Amino acid sequence: MEIKNARILLTGGTTGIGYETAKLLSTQGAKVVICGRSEESVNSVAKELGIFGIKADVSQEADVERMFAYALENLGGLDVLINNAGLGFMGSLLETSSEDFIKIWETNTKSAFLCGKLAAKHFIEQQSGNIVNISSMGAVRGFANGSAYVSSKAAMSGLTLCWQAELRKHNIRVMQVNPSEVITPFAEKIGHQSVDTEKKLKGLEIAQVIVAMLALNNIAFIPEANVWATNP
């Protein structure tokens, strides 16, 4: 697809991967709507990048419906959904409460389902569209203390596979990006401290992968991309 003509809804667009992706897409001419839970942050980033923004909690169905209505009205349609919103959590199996587990699943997995469902309805009607799910290498390979987070991302892989099987016949491309360790505020919030950060991935590298996948001619798509730092 031509990025300069794209109308894109990106969830979780105020920091990290989401922010860098919104910035890169907008500089290439795309029309972008982002969302976030903080109205102040959403408005600040939207103003900075010259894009649209709306406060929304994508784990809540009413907010998702309102967000889609806003995006369709302001963009004049929709070509791309990027499911990027997510929360991190680290805790051993014994220390993870059911409340913690449910909260991570609602934000990381339920939100992707809710957004994907509304996007698919619109894309099927127009017989074209793109869904990009931002997951994690945790979806491919588990790690200690990752029960809630890893399982939520592995479930996203399941959604991606099912949507690919259902939606290809409607000319809808469903793609997934699995970043390895990325230096963002996301990692800091869960208490992860990395060393030698200059060798680690930043949000920009993941944004470049997302944009490259979308820019591929519509006759082809990349089902899944795993992104590693060269020498971390």
Protein backbone atom coordinates (compact mmCIF):
# COMPACT_ATOMS: atom_id res chain seq x y z
CA MET A 1 0.00 0.00 0.00
CA GLU A 2 1.03 3.61 -0.38
CA ILE A 3 1.72 4.99 3.08
CA LYS A 4 1.03 8.54 1.96
CA ASN A 5 -2.59 7.62 1.21
CA ALA A 6 -3.17 5.46 4.29
CA ARG A 7 -5.74 6.13 7.02
CA ILE A 8 -4.48 4.52 10.20
CA LEU A 9 -5.77 3.87 13.71
CA LEU A 10 -2.99 3.08 16.19
CA THR A 11 -3.73 2.13 19.79
CA GLY A 12 -1.36 3.14 22.57
CA GLY A 13 0.35 5.89 20.61
CA THR A 14 1.73 8.27 23.23
CA THR A 15 5.06 6.63 24.09
CA GLY A 16 7.59 4.05 22.92
CA ILE A 17 6.81 1.95 19.86
CA GLY A 18 3.41 3.56 19.37
CA TYR A 19 4.76 7.09 19.43
CA GLU A 20 7.62 6.31 17.04
CA THR A 21 5.28 4.50 14.66
CA ALA A 22 2.78 7.36 14.63
CA LYS A 23 5.61 9.82 14.02
CA LEU A 24 7.14 7.81 11.17
CA LEU A 25 3.77 7.21 9.48
CA SER A 26 2.75 10.86 9.73
CA THR A 27 6.07 12.08 8.29
CA GLN A 28 5.41 9.83 5.28
CA GLY A 29 2.01 11.42 4.71
CA ALA A 30 -0.36 9.00 6.42
CA LYS A 31 -3.41 10.24 8.30
CA VAL A 32 -3.20 8.86 11.83
CA VAL A 33 -5.42 8.56 14.89
CA ILE A 34 -3.82 7.51 18.18
CA CYS A 35 -5.39 6.73 21.52
CA GLY A 36 -4.22 6.53 25.12
CA ARG A 37 -5.58 6.52 28.65
CA SER A 38 -4.27 9.99 29.50
CA GLU A 39 -6.11 12.81 27.74
CA GLU A 40 -3.22 15.19 28.44
CA SER A 41 -0.65 12.86 26.85
CA VAL A 42 -2.86 12.09 23.85
CA ASN A 43 -3.52 15.76 23.14
CA SER A 44 0.16 16.64 23.56
CA VAL A 45 1.39 14.01 21.12
CA ALA A 46 -1.41 14.70 18.62
CA LYS A 47 -0.51 18.38 18.60
CA GLU A 48 3.22 17.67 18.30
CA LEU A 49 2.85 15.26 15.38
CA GLY A 50 -0.07 16.96 13.64
CA ILE A 51 -2.32 13.91 13.94
CA PHE A 52 -5.63 13.04 15.62
CA GLY A 53 -5.91 11.73 19.17
CA ILE A 54 -8.63 10.45 21.47
CA LYS A 55 -8.66 9.34 25.09
CA ALA A 56 -9.74 5.70 25.24
CA ASP A 57 -9.26 2.59 27.36
CA VAL A 58 -9.18 -0.13 24.72
CA SER A 59 -9.99 -2.84 27.25
CA GLN A 60 -13.49 -1.29 27.45
CA GLU A 61 -15.88 -2.07 24.59
CA ALA A 62 -17.72 1.26 24.79
CA ASP A 63 -14.43 3.16 24.51
CA VAL A 64 -13.37 1.06 21.52
CA GLU A 65 -16.65 1.76 19.72
CA ARG A 66 -16.32 5.47 20.41
CA MET A 67 -12.70 5.43 19.21
CA PHE A 68 -13.62 3.76 15.92
CA ALA A 69 -16.44 6.23 15.30
CA TYR A 70 -13.98 9.08 15.93
CA ALA A 71 -11.38 7.58 13.58
CA LEU A 72 -13.84 6.95 10.75
CA GLU A 73 -15.22 10.46 11.03
CA ASN A 74 -11.88 12.26 11.17
CA LEU A 75 -10.01 10.08 8.67
CA GLY A 76 -12.88 9.65 6.23
CA GLY A 77 -12.46 5.88 6.37
CA LEU A 78 -9.90 3.36 7.58
CA ASP A 79 -7.19 1.29 5.92
CA VAL A 80 -5.05 0.11 8.83
CA LEU A 81 -5.48 -0.93 12.44
CA ILE A 82 -2.31 -1.26 14.53
CA ASN A 83 -3.00 -3.07 17.81
CA ASN A 84 -0.15 -1.69 19.89
CA ALA A 85 -1.68 -0.90 23.31
CA GLY A 86 -0.29 -3.10 26.05
CA LEU A 87 0.82 -3.45 29.66
CA GLY A 88 3.81 -5.27 31.07
CA PHE A 89 3.93 -7.30 34.25
CA MET A 90 6.60 -9.39 35.94
CA GLY A 91 5.74 -11.78 38.73
CA SER A 92 6.36 -15.37 39.64
CA LEU A 93 3.57 -17.90 39.25
CA LEU A 94 3.03 -17.91 43.02
CA GLU A 95 3.07 -14.13 43.34
CA THR A 96 0.76 -13.31 40.41
CA SER A 97 -2.79 -12.66 41.59
CA SER A 98 -5.84 -13.44 39.51
CA GLU A 99 -6.54 -9.68 39.43
CA ASP A 100 -3.08 -9.01 37.96
CA PHE A 101 -3.55 -11.79 35.42
CA ILE A 102 -6.96 -10.54 34.28
CA LYS A 103 -5.78 -6.92 34.03
CA ILE A 104 -2.92 -7.87 31.70
CA TRP A 105 -5.14 -10.05 29.54
CA GLU A 106 -7.82 -7.37 29.26
CA THR A 107 -5.33 -4.75 28.06
CA ASN A 108 -3.08 -6.94 25.92
CA THR A 109 -5.48 -9.50 24.47
CA LYS A 110 -9.10 -8.49 24.96
CA SER A 111 -8.33 -5.04 23.53
CA ALA A 112 -6.84 -6.56 20.36
CA PHE A 113 -9.93 -8.74 19.97
CA LEU A 114 -12.33 -5.81 20.40
CA CYS A 115 -10.42 -3.57 17.98
CA GLY A 116 -9.83 -6.38 15.50
CA LYS A 117 -13.51 -7.24 15.40
CA LEU A 118 -14.61 -3.69 14.56
CA ALA A 119 -11.80 -3.25 12.04
CA ALA A 120 -12.64 -6.56 10.35
CA LYS A 121 -16.29 -5.57 9.97
CA HIS A 122 -15.27 -2.36 8.20
CA PHE A 123 -12.55 -4.01 6.11
CA ILE A 124 -14.81 -6.85 4.95
CA GLU A 125 -17.35 -4.31 3.74
CA GLN A 126 -14.72 -2.52 1.65
CA GLN A 127 -12.88 -5.75 0.73
CA SER A 128 -9.50 -4.40 1.78
CA GLY A 129 -7.58 -3.52 4.91
CA ASN A 130 -4.62 -4.20 7.15
CA ILE A 131 -4.32 -5.31 10.76
CA VAL A 132 -0.93 -5.25 12.49
CA ASN A 133 -0.71 -6.88 15.92
CA ILE A 134 2.25 -5.81 18.03
CA SER A 135 3.11 -8.78 20.19
CA SER A 136 6.44 -9.83 21.70
CA MET A 137 9.16 -12.46 21.49
CA GLY A 138 7.48 -13.57 24.69
CA ALA A 139 4.78 -14.97 22.40
CA VAL A 140 7.42 -17.23 20.86
CA ARG A 141 9.54 -18.06 23.87
CA GLY A 142 8.43 -17.87 27.49
CA PHE A 143 10.55 -16.76 30.43
CA ALA A 144 10.49 -16.98 34.21
CA ASN A 145 8.10 -14.60 35.97
CA GLY A 146 6.19 -13.97 32.75
CA SER A 147 3.01 -16.03 33.20
CA ALA A 148 0.54 -13.16 32.81
CA TYR A 149 2.40 -11.17 30.15
CA VAL A 150 3.68 -14.07 28.04
CA SER A 151 0.36 -15.87 27.98
CA SER A 152 -1.42 -12.68 26.90
CA LYS A 153 1.01 -12.27 24.00
CA ALA A 154 0.88 -15.95 23.02
CA ALA A 155 -2.89 -15.55 22.84
CA MET A 156 -2.40 -12.63 20.47
CA SER A 157 -0.49 -15.00 18.18
CA GLY A 158 -3.56 -17.21 18.20
CA LEU A 159 -5.75 -14.28 17.22
CA THR A 160 -3.37 -13.38 14.39
CA LEU A 161 -3.40 -16.93 12.99
CA CYS A 162 -7.19 -17.16 13.13
CA TRP A 163 -7.69 -13.78 11.51
CA GLN A 164 -5.27 -14.64 8.73
CA ALA A 165 -7.29 -17.78 7.99
CA GLU A 166 -10.61 -15.91 8.06
CA LEU A 167 -9.78 -12.63 6.37
CA ARG A 168 -7.37 -13.34 3.50
CA LYS A 169 -10.29 -14.08 1.16
CA HIS A 170 -11.46 -10.50 1.76
CA ASN A 171 -8.09 -9.01 0.72
CA ILE A 172 -7.28 -8.19 4.34
CA ARG A 173 -3.66 -8.54 5.44
CA VAL A 174 -3.12 -9.57 9.06
CA MET A 175 0.46 -9.27 10.29
CA GLN A 176 2.25 -9.62 13.62
CA VAL A 177 5.45 -8.04 14.90
CA ASN A 178 7.36 -9.65 17.78
CA PRO A 179 9.96 -7.26 19.21
CA SER A 180 12.64 -8.59 21.50
CA GLU A 181 13.84 -6.27 24.27
CA VAL A 182 13.06 -2.65 23.42
CA ILE A 183 14.15 0.32 25.54
CA THR A 184 10.91 2.21 26.22
CA PRO A 185 9.03 3.61 29.24
CA PHE A 186 7.06 0.32 29.06
CA ALA A 187 10.08 -1.59 30.40
CA GLU A 188 10.81 0.99 33.08
CA LYS A 189 7.26 0.79 34.43
CA ILE A 190 7.68 -2.89 35.31
CA GLY A 191 11.04 -2.28 36.97
CA HIS A 192 13.23 -3.67 34.20
CA GLN A 193 16.66 -2.07 34.12
CA SER A 194 18.79 -2.84 31.06
CA VAL A 195 22.52 -2.34 30.73
CA ASP A 196 24.37 -1.04 27.66
CA THR A 197 21.19 0.43 26.23
CA GLU A 198 22.96 1.72 23.12
CA LYS A 199 23.02 -1.86 21.84
CA LYS A 200 19.34 -2.43 22.53
CA LEU A 201 16.42 -1.89 20.19
CA LYS A 202 14.53 1.39 20.41
CA GLY A 203 10.98 2.15 19.37
CA LEU A 204 12.16 3.52 16.02
CA GLU A 205 13.47 0.16 14.82
CA ILE A 206 10.11 -1.47 15.46
CA ALA A 207 8.32 1.42 13.77
CA GLN A 208 10.50 0.94 10.70
CA VAL A 209 9.53 -2.73 10.52
CA ILE A 210 5.81 -1.93 10.83
CA VAL A 211 5.95 0.70 8.11
CA ALA A 212 7.98 -1.56 5.80
CA MET A 213 5.43 -4.37 6.19
CA LEU A 214 2.56 -2.02 5.38
CA ALA A 215 4.41 -0.49 2.41
CA LEU A 216 4.70 -3.87 0.67
CA ASN A 217 2.49 -4.16 -2.42
CA ASN A 218 -1.02 -5.23 -1.45
CA ILE A 219 -0.72 -8.51 -3.34
CA ALA A 220 1.75 -9.74 -0.69
CA PHE A 221 2.05 -9.68 3.07
CA ILE A 222 4.47 -10.80 5.79
CA PRO A 223 2.56 -12.94 8.31
CA GLU A 224 5.01 -12.48 11.18
CA ALA A 225 8.27 -10.66 11.87
CA ASN A 226 10.61 -11.32 14.80
CA VAL A 227 12.87 -8.36 15.53
CA TRP A 228 16.15 -8.81 17.39
CA ALA A 229 18.99 -6.49 18.30
CA THR A 230 22.10 -7.44 16.34
CA ASN A 231 24.51 -7.69 19.27
CA PRO A 232 22.76 -6.89 22.55
